[in-house]
């Protein structure tokens, strides 16, 4: 079976209207663009389709922070309240089950290392019904649509009113730390987060189709977005255009970018080659190394099954499934995207769809793609 055949099968059975998959091992490449940009079949899916990246924006955001680390503008043990004074005196719920009014002061200041490892105390826990997590979910609203968030200053002021789920450094919590990283980069540099990404990552790497908004001549390259209903039928969530025509008030480091598989391939290859002209080799090592304790990993099996957490993405630490390879780094996006690098095989593996996830558990099409990629011989692909 080829990648084209695998993905076409999922179009034929209605799992997705279309998809773009890419597997690069060294200079060998297999790419498949299948199906249509929408259920109506108004246009075929193409390799240069611009997808809502969602949470596979997180590795790019972490790289931006590490650029500042390489330049000596920040250090891992720096308290973040130097730049984010709104979070200088955070409060923490007394116990995970405590109501949001039952709080105690943080035992120590939040550091940049805490942000990068997702152990700052803010975010989503394994148990979504916890009062502090419910308050965070209401604050974030729909994480697939970061444009619903206010401007960074207002956003930080609102976040400061929500108690943290855990003490700094103690527990891995999902998502919010990437948004904090984006705001941190802007405060440290005096630039918008978007401008910094363009200047220091996108332009040097040639990522010409990645950003928080799209010019008018690229809008028609964005597929319609869908989500499954309770019966699995696809319902339209967002048409192309709309919010993507203008820059959002909040440039979300957790999930605000749109881009193509070829742009993310350039980013992935940068990591595989030790950082190129973007990052130092040491920053790439830090980014792709698990920083969690076994206990912290075990607290969140829903998110990190057989994985730890580097900076901006998960790192495989156990061979649970056929595609797990120790050191495999990457993440999934809630809009139906997946991006990983496998240093052991010098590979980048990308699958972009326009069908949203309904839980942290990877969709069947994603797992099938990983299984195929793990067993697909490189010499069957075309060199580029």
Protein backbone atom coordinates (compact mmCIF):
# COMPACT_ATOMS: atom_id res chain seq x y z
CA UNK A 1 0.00 0.00 0.00
CA UNK A 2 1.20 3.50 -0.79
CA UNK A 3 0.57 6.63 1.26
CA UNK A 4 -1.75 7.82 -1.51
CA UNK A 5 -3.82 4.64 -1.24
CA UNK A 6 -3.97 4.75 2.56
CA UNK A 7 -5.24 8.33 2.68
CA UNK A 8 -7.57 7.89 -0.29
CA UNK A 9 -9.22 5.05 1.59
CA UNK A 10 -10.09 7.43 4.42
CA UNK A 11 -11.52 9.91 1.93
CA UNK A 12 -13.57 7.16 0.32
CA UNK A 13 -15.06 6.03 3.65
CA UNK A 14 -15.91 9.59 4.70
CA UNK A 15 -13.39 9.92 7.53
CA UNK A 16 -12.00 13.12 5.98
CA UNK A 17 -12.88 15.20 2.91
CA UNK A 18 -9.19 15.48 2.09
CA UNK A 19 -5.69 15.29 3.52
CA UNK A 20 -2.03 15.93 2.79
CA UNK A 21 0.56 13.48 4.09
CA UNK A 22 4.33 13.78 3.88
CA UNK A 23 7.12 11.43 4.96
CA UNK A 24 10.69 12.64 4.48
CA UNK A 25 13.67 10.45 5.35
CA UNK A 26 16.83 12.32 4.53
CA UNK A 27 16.31 13.56 0.97
CA UNK A 28 13.79 10.82 0.17
CA UNK A 29 10.22 12.05 0.13
CA UNK A 30 6.75 10.59 -0.22
CA UNK A 31 3.86 13.05 -0.46
CA UNK A 32 0.17 12.45 -1.05
CA UNK A 33 -2.58 15.04 -1.46
CA UNK A 34 -5.98 13.36 -1.63
CA UNK A 35 -9.66 14.24 -1.70
CA UNK A 36 -11.16 17.71 -1.74
CA UNK A 37 -10.94 20.96 0.19
CA UNK A 38 -14.58 20.53 1.30
CA UNK A 39 -17.40 18.04 1.40
CA UNK A 40 -18.93 19.59 -1.70
CA UNK A 41 -15.84 18.66 -3.73
CA UNK A 42 -15.47 22.23 -4.97
CA UNK A 43 -11.71 21.83 -5.54
CA UNK A 44 -9.13 19.06 -5.16
CA UNK A 45 -6.84 19.04 -2.13
CA UNK A 46 -3.34 20.17 -3.11
CA UNK A 47 0.09 19.82 -1.58
CA UNK A 48 0.27 23.58 -0.99
CA UNK A 49 -3.02 23.73 0.95
CA UNK A 50 -2.74 26.01 3.98
CA UNK A 51 -4.07 24.28 7.11
CA UNK A 52 -4.96 25.55 10.55
CA UNK A 53 -1.92 24.20 12.40
CA UNK A 54 -3.44 24.46 15.89
CA UNK A 55 -1.14 22.90 18.48
CA UNK A 56 1.67 21.98 16.12
CA UNK A 57 2.35 25.71 16.45
CA UNK A 58 3.77 24.87 19.91
CA UNK A 59 7.21 23.61 18.74
CA UNK A 60 7.66 26.79 16.68
CA UNK A 61 6.81 28.91 19.73
CA UNK A 62 9.29 27.01 21.90
CA UNK A 63 11.97 27.58 19.25
CA UNK A 64 11.32 31.33 19.47
CA UNK A 65 12.00 31.28 23.23
CA UNK A 66 15.17 29.26 22.66
CA UNK A 67 16.46 31.85 20.21
CA UNK A 68 16.33 34.32 23.11
CA UNK A 69 18.13 31.77 25.27
CA UNK A 70 20.86 31.37 22.65
CA UNK A 71 21.32 35.13 22.55
CA UNK A 72 21.58 35.42 26.33
CA UNK A 73 18.50 37.61 26.56
CA UNK A 74 16.84 35.14 28.91
CA UNK A 75 18.00 32.22 31.03
CA UNK A 76 16.12 29.08 31.97
CA UNK A 77 16.08 29.98 35.68
CA UNK A 78 14.92 33.57 35.10
CA UNK A 79 11.61 34.33 36.84
CA UNK A 80 9.04 35.27 34.22
CA UNK A 81 7.62 38.13 36.30
CA UNK A 82 10.56 40.23 35.15
CA UNK A 83 8.65 40.54 31.87
CA UNK A 84 5.20 39.35 32.92
CA UNK A 85 4.63 41.25 36.20
CA UNK A 86 0.96 40.31 36.12
CA UNK A 87 2.05 36.85 37.31
CA UNK A 88 4.41 38.01 40.06
CA UNK A 89 2.23 36.72 42.91
CA UNK A 90 0.23 33.77 41.58
CA UNK A 91 -2.23 31.86 43.72
CA UNK A 92 -2.72 28.09 43.62
CA UNK A 93 -5.77 26.03 44.60
CA UNK A 94 -5.13 24.37 47.95
CA UNK A 95 -5.74 20.91 46.49
CA UNK A 96 -6.54 19.92 42.90
CA UNK A 97 -10.19 19.40 43.90
CA UNK A 98 -10.50 22.70 45.80
CA UNK A 99 -12.90 25.39 44.61
CA UNK A 100 -11.23 28.34 42.93
CA UNK A 101 -11.77 30.48 46.05
CA UNK A 102 -9.71 28.12 48.25
CA UNK A 103 -6.16 29.19 47.36
CA UNK A 104 -2.66 29.47 48.76
CA UNK A 105 0.33 31.52 47.51
CA UNK A 106 2.76 29.90 45.09
CA UNK A 107 5.76 28.46 46.90
CA UNK A 108 8.17 30.05 44.45
CA UNK A 109 8.28 32.25 41.36
CA UNK A 110 7.54 30.82 37.92
CA UNK A 111 10.63 30.45 35.71
CA UNK A 112 11.17 30.27 31.98
CA UNK A 113 12.09 26.61 32.38
CA UNK A 114 8.67 26.08 33.96
CA UNK A 115 7.01 27.61 30.90
CA UNK A 116 9.01 25.51 28.46
CA UNK A 117 8.32 22.24 30.31
CA UNK A 118 4.61 23.04 30.86
CA UNK A 119 5.14 22.95 34.63
CA UNK A 120 4.30 26.58 35.41
CA UNK A 121 1.04 25.68 37.16
CA UNK A 122 -1.35 26.95 34.49
CA UNK A 123 -3.13 24.68 32.02
CA UNK A 124 -5.29 21.60 31.58
CA UNK A 125 -4.95 18.58 33.82
CA UNK A 126 -5.92 14.96 33.13
CA UNK A 127 -9.18 15.54 35.02
CA UNK A 128 -11.12 18.21 33.15
CA UNK A 129 -13.81 18.53 35.87
CA UNK A 130 -11.45 20.07 38.43
CA UNK A 131 -12.73 23.57 39.33
CA UNK A 132 -9.50 25.35 38.38
CA UNK A 133 -9.36 23.49 35.06
CA UNK A 134 -12.99 24.38 34.37
CA UNK A 135 -12.14 28.03 35.02
CA UNK A 136 -9.21 27.79 32.61
CA UNK A 137 -11.33 26.15 29.93
CA UNK A 138 -13.91 28.92 30.20
CA UNK A 139 -11.14 31.49 29.90
CA UNK A 140 -9.57 29.88 26.82
CA UNK A 141 -13.00 29.35 25.13
CA UNK A 142 -12.55 27.42 21.87
CA UNK A 143 -8.85 26.62 21.65
CA UNK A 144 -9.14 26.06 17.90
CA UNK A 145 -10.01 29.74 17.49
CA UNK A 146 -7.37 31.87 19.25
CA UNK A 147 -8.86 34.98 17.63
CA UNK A 148 -11.53 34.82 20.34
CA UNK A 149 -8.90 35.87 22.91
CA UNK A 150 -8.31 39.54 23.84
CA UNK A 151 -5.04 41.40 23.30
CA UNK A 152 -2.06 40.11 25.35
CA UNK A 153 -2.20 42.70 28.15
CA UNK A 154 -5.88 42.06 28.75
CA UNK A 155 -5.36 38.31 28.38
CA UNK A 156 -2.60 38.28 31.01
CA UNK A 157 -4.70 40.33 33.41
CA UNK A 158 -7.50 37.81 33.03
CA UNK A 159 -5.19 34.85 33.47
CA UNK A 160 -3.83 36.35 36.69
CA UNK A 161 -7.35 36.14 38.15
CA UNK A 162 -7.47 32.35 37.68
CA UNK A 163 -5.76 30.22 40.34
CA UNK A 164 -3.10 27.82 39.20
CA UNK A 165 -3.87 24.10 39.24
CA UNK A 166 -0.49 23.16 40.74
CA UNK A 167 2.57 24.69 42.32
CA UNK A 168 5.34 25.78 39.91
CA UNK A 169 7.50 22.87 38.81
CA UNK A 170 5.29 20.13 40.24
CA UNK A 171 2.89 19.03 37.50
CA UNK A 172 2.68 18.96 33.70
CA UNK A 173 -0.37 20.92 32.51
CA UNK A 174 -1.38 21.32 28.92
CA UNK A 175 -1.52 24.30 26.56
CA UNK A 176 -1.45 27.61 28.47
CA UNK A 177 2.33 27.73 28.82
CA UNK A 178 2.73 28.02 25.04
CA UNK A 179 0.52 31.10 24.98
CA UNK A 180 2.59 32.52 27.83
CA UNK A 181 5.75 31.81 25.83
CA UNK A 182 4.44 33.85 22.91
CA UNK A 183 3.63 36.81 25.15
CA UNK A 184 7.03 36.47 26.82
CA UNK A 185 8.84 36.67 23.46
CA UNK A 186 6.95 39.85 22.61
CA UNK A 187 7.67 41.47 25.99
CA UNK A 188 11.38 40.57 25.91
CA UNK A 189 11.95 41.77 22.34
CA UNK A 190 9.54 44.70 22.10
CA UNK A 191 8.23 43.19 18.84
CA UNK A 192 4.94 41.56 18.09
CA UNK A 193 5.20 37.80 18.36
CA UNK A 194 4.28 37.53 14.67
CA UNK A 195 7.07 39.88 13.60
CA UNK A 196 9.64 37.99 15.67
CA UNK A 197 8.61 34.65 14.18
CA UNK A 198 8.77 36.07 10.66
CA UNK A 199 12.17 37.68 11.16
CA UNK A 200 13.91 34.91 13.09
CA UNK A 201 12.27 31.65 11.94
CA UNK A 202 10.00 31.90 8.91
CA UNK A 203 12.18 34.08 6.68
CA UNK A 204 15.51 32.33 7.43
CA UNK A 205 13.93 28.93 6.77
CA UNK A 206 11.86 29.97 3.77
CA UNK A 207 8.51 29.24 5.46
CA UNK A 208 6.62 31.53 3.09
CA UNK A 209 3.09 30.29 3.84
CA UNK A 210 3.08 30.25 7.65
CA UNK A 211 1.54 32.98 9.79
CA UNK A 212 -1.31 34.16 11.98
CA UNK A 213 -3.19 35.60 8.98
CA UNK A 214 -3.28 35.04 5.24
CA UNK A 215 -3.07 37.55 2.38
CA UNK A 216 -6.10 37.66 0.13
CA UNK A 217 -4.35 35.76 -2.67
CA UNK A 218 -3.79 32.75 -0.37
CA UNK A 219 -7.22 32.49 1.28
CA UNK A 220 -8.52 30.06 -1.34
CA UNK A 221 -5.72 27.61 -0.43
CA UNK A 222 -7.25 27.03 3.03
CA UNK A 223 -9.65 24.04 3.24
CA UNK A 224 -12.99 24.21 5.00
CA UNK A 225 -12.74 22.93 8.59
CA UNK A 226 -15.03 20.23 9.99
CA UNK A 227 -15.76 18.43 13.23
CA UNK A 228 -17.44 15.04 13.77
CA UNK A 229 -20.82 15.00 15.49
CA UNK A 230 -21.86 12.34 18.00
CA UNK A 231 -22.58 9.89 15.19
CA UNK A 232 -19.32 10.61 13.41
CA UNK A 233 -20.85 12.66 10.60
CA UNK A 234 -18.85 15.72 9.61
CA UNK A 235 -20.31 19.15 10.26
CA UNK A 236 -18.79 22.38 8.99
CA UNK A 237 -16.92 24.34 11.64
CA UNK A 238 -15.22 27.13 9.68
CA UNK A 239 -15.07 28.27 6.08
CA UNK A 240 -11.85 29.69 4.61
CA UNK A 241 -11.31 33.41 5.00
CA UNK A 242 -13.16 35.13 7.81
CA UNK A 243 -10.83 35.63 10.75
CA UNK A 244 -7.80 34.57 8.70
CA UNK A 245 -7.95 37.77 6.64
CA UNK A 246 -6.83 39.97 9.54
CA UNK A 247 -4.22 39.65 12.28
CA UNK A 248 -5.74 38.50 15.58
CA UNK A 249 -5.54 40.66 18.68
CA UNK A 250 -3.88 37.71 20.42
CA UNK A 251 -1.14 35.93 18.47
CA UNK A 252 -1.45 32.52 20.09
CA UNK A 253 1.75 30.57 20.58
CA UNK A 254 -0.34 27.58 21.60
CA UNK A 255 -2.22 27.21 18.35
CA UNK A 256 -2.68 30.31 16.24
CA UNK A 257 -0.65 29.58 13.13
CA UNK A 258 -1.67 28.37 9.69
CA UNK A 259 0.77 26.79 7.25
CA UNK A 260 1.64 24.05 4.78
CA UNK A 261 3.28 20.66 5.10
CA UNK A 262 6.29 21.95 3.15
CA UNK A 263 6.77 24.84 5.56
CA UNK A 264 6.66 22.53 8.58
CA UNK A 265 9.05 20.20 6.74
CA UNK A 266 11.58 23.04 6.61
CA UNK A 267 11.16 23.58 10.35
CA UNK A 268 11.50 19.87 11.08
CA UNK A 269 14.62 19.53 8.96
CA UNK A 270 16.12 22.50 10.80
CA UNK A 271 15.73 20.56 14.04
CA UNK A 272 17.15 17.37 12.53
CA UNK A 273 20.26 19.18 11.30
CA UNK A 274 21.07 20.74 14.67
CA UNK A 275 19.39 24.12 14.33
CA UNK A 276 20.93 25.52 11.15
CA UNK A 277 20.92 29.32 11.18
CA UNK A 278 18.01 29.45 13.63
CA UNK A 279 18.98 27.58 16.82
CA UNK A 280 22.10 26.27 18.49
CA UNK A 281 22.63 22.53 18.64
CA UNK A 282 22.31 22.72 22.43
CA UNK A 283 18.90 24.39 22.17
CA UNK A 284 17.73 21.69 19.76
CA UNK A 285 18.95 19.08 22.24
CA UNK A 286 17.03 20.74 25.07
CA UNK A 287 13.95 21.10 22.90
CA UNK A 288 13.84 17.43 21.94
CA UNK A 289 14.77 15.90 25.33
CA UNK A 290 12.21 14.71 27.88
CA UNK A 291 12.27 16.94 30.98
CA UNK A 292 9.57 15.24 33.06
CA UNK A 293 9.88 12.84 35.96
CA UNK A 294 8.25 9.42 35.67
CA UNK A 295 5.63 10.52 38.18
CA UNK A 296 4.78 13.61 36.14
CA UNK A 297 4.43 11.53 32.97
CA UNK A 298 2.23 9.01 34.73
CA UNK A 299 -0.13 11.76 35.92
CA UNK A 300 -1.26 12.52 32.35
CA UNK A 301 -1.52 9.26 30.34
CA UNK A 302 -4.43 10.73 28.39
CA UNK A 303 -2.05 13.29 26.91
CA UNK A 304 1.33 11.53 27.12
CA UNK A 305 0.95 7.81 26.47
CA UNK A 306 4.48 6.45 26.50
CA UNK A 307 5.82 9.97 26.09
CA UNK A 308 7.54 12.70 28.04
CA UNK A 309 7.70 16.38 27.20
CA UNK A 310 10.53 18.39 25.68
CA UNK A 311 10.01 22.04 24.84
CA UNK A 312 6.92 22.52 22.68
CA UNK A 313 6.31 18.84 21.96
CA UNK A 314 6.21 15.30 23.27
CA UNK A 315 9.19 12.94 23.25
CA UNK A 316 8.73 9.17 22.96
CA UNK A 317 10.26 7.37 25.91
CA UNK A 318 8.56 3.94 25.63
CA UNK A 319 7.86 1.57 22.73
CA UNK A 320 4.12 1.19 23.31
CA UNK A 321 3.00 1.21 19.67
CA UNK A 322 4.83 0.21 16.47
CA UNK A 323 5.53 3.84 15.57
CA UNK A 324 7.06 4.77 18.92
CA UNK A 325 10.78 5.37 18.66
CA UNK A 326 12.75 6.71 21.62
CA UNK A 327 13.54 10.35 20.85
CA UNK A 328 10.65 10.84 18.41
CA UNK A 329 9.53 14.43 18.94
CA UNK A 330 6.41 16.30 17.91
CA UNK A 331 2.76 16.89 18.62
CA UNK A 332 -0.82 16.96 17.34
CA UNK A 333 -3.14 19.84 16.51
CA UNK A 334 -6.78 19.81 17.54
CA UNK A 335 -7.80 20.79 14.02
CA UNK A 336 -6.53 17.45 12.68
CA UNK A 337 -2.81 17.96 12.17
CA UNK A 338 0.23 15.98 13.25
CA UNK A 339 3.96 16.76 12.99
CA UNK A 340 6.91 14.69 14.21
CA UNK A 341 10.63 14.33 13.69
CA UNK A 342 12.48 11.07 14.29
CA UNK A 343 16.19 11.80 14.83
CA UNK A 344 17.10 8.10 14.78
CA UNK A 345 15.96 7.80 11.16
CA UNK A 346 16.46 11.44 10.10
CA UNK A 347 12.74 11.61 9.31
CA UNK A 348 9.95 14.18 9.30
CA UNK A 349 6.39 12.82 9.32
CA UNK A 350 3.45 15.13 8.70
CA UNK A 351 -0.27 14.51 8.26
CA UNK A 352 -2.58 17.49 7.82
CA UNK A 353 -6.36 17.06 7.70
CA UNK A 354 -9.22 19.52 8.20
CA UNK A 355 -11.24 17.37 10.65
CA UNK A 356 -10.99 18.34 14.32
CA UNK A 357 -10.05 15.95 17.09
CA UNK A 358 -12.77 15.23 19.64
CA UNK A 359 -10.42 14.14 22.45
CA UNK A 360 -6.69 14.01 23.22
CA UNK A 361 -6.65 10.47 21.79
CA UNK A 362 -5.22 10.50 18.24
CA UNK A 363 -7.70 9.83 15.45
CA UNK A 364 -7.61 6.48 13.66
CA UNK A 365 -6.31 8.10 10.45
CA UNK A 366 -3.37 9.56 12.38
CA UNK A 367 -2.50 6.22 13.97
CA UNK A 368 -2.73 4.49 10.57
CA UNK A 369 -0.43 7.12 9.10
CA UNK A 370 2.14 6.61 11.86
CA UNK A 371 1.97 2.84 11.42
CA UNK A 372 2.54 3.22 7.69
CA UNK A 373 5.40 5.69 8.19
CA UNK A 374 7.12 3.36 10.66
CA UNK A 375 7.19 0.55 8.11
CA UNK A 376 7.46 2.39 4.79
CA UNK A 377 10.82 1.72 3.10
CA UNK A 378 12.65 4.90 2.14
CA UNK A 379 13.87 3.47 -1.15
CA UNK A 380 10.27 3.32 -2.43
CA UNK A 381 10.06 7.12 -2.36
CA UNK A 382 11.14 9.72 -4.84
CA UNK A 383 14.19 11.83 -4.05
CA UNK A 384 13.76 15.62 -4.09
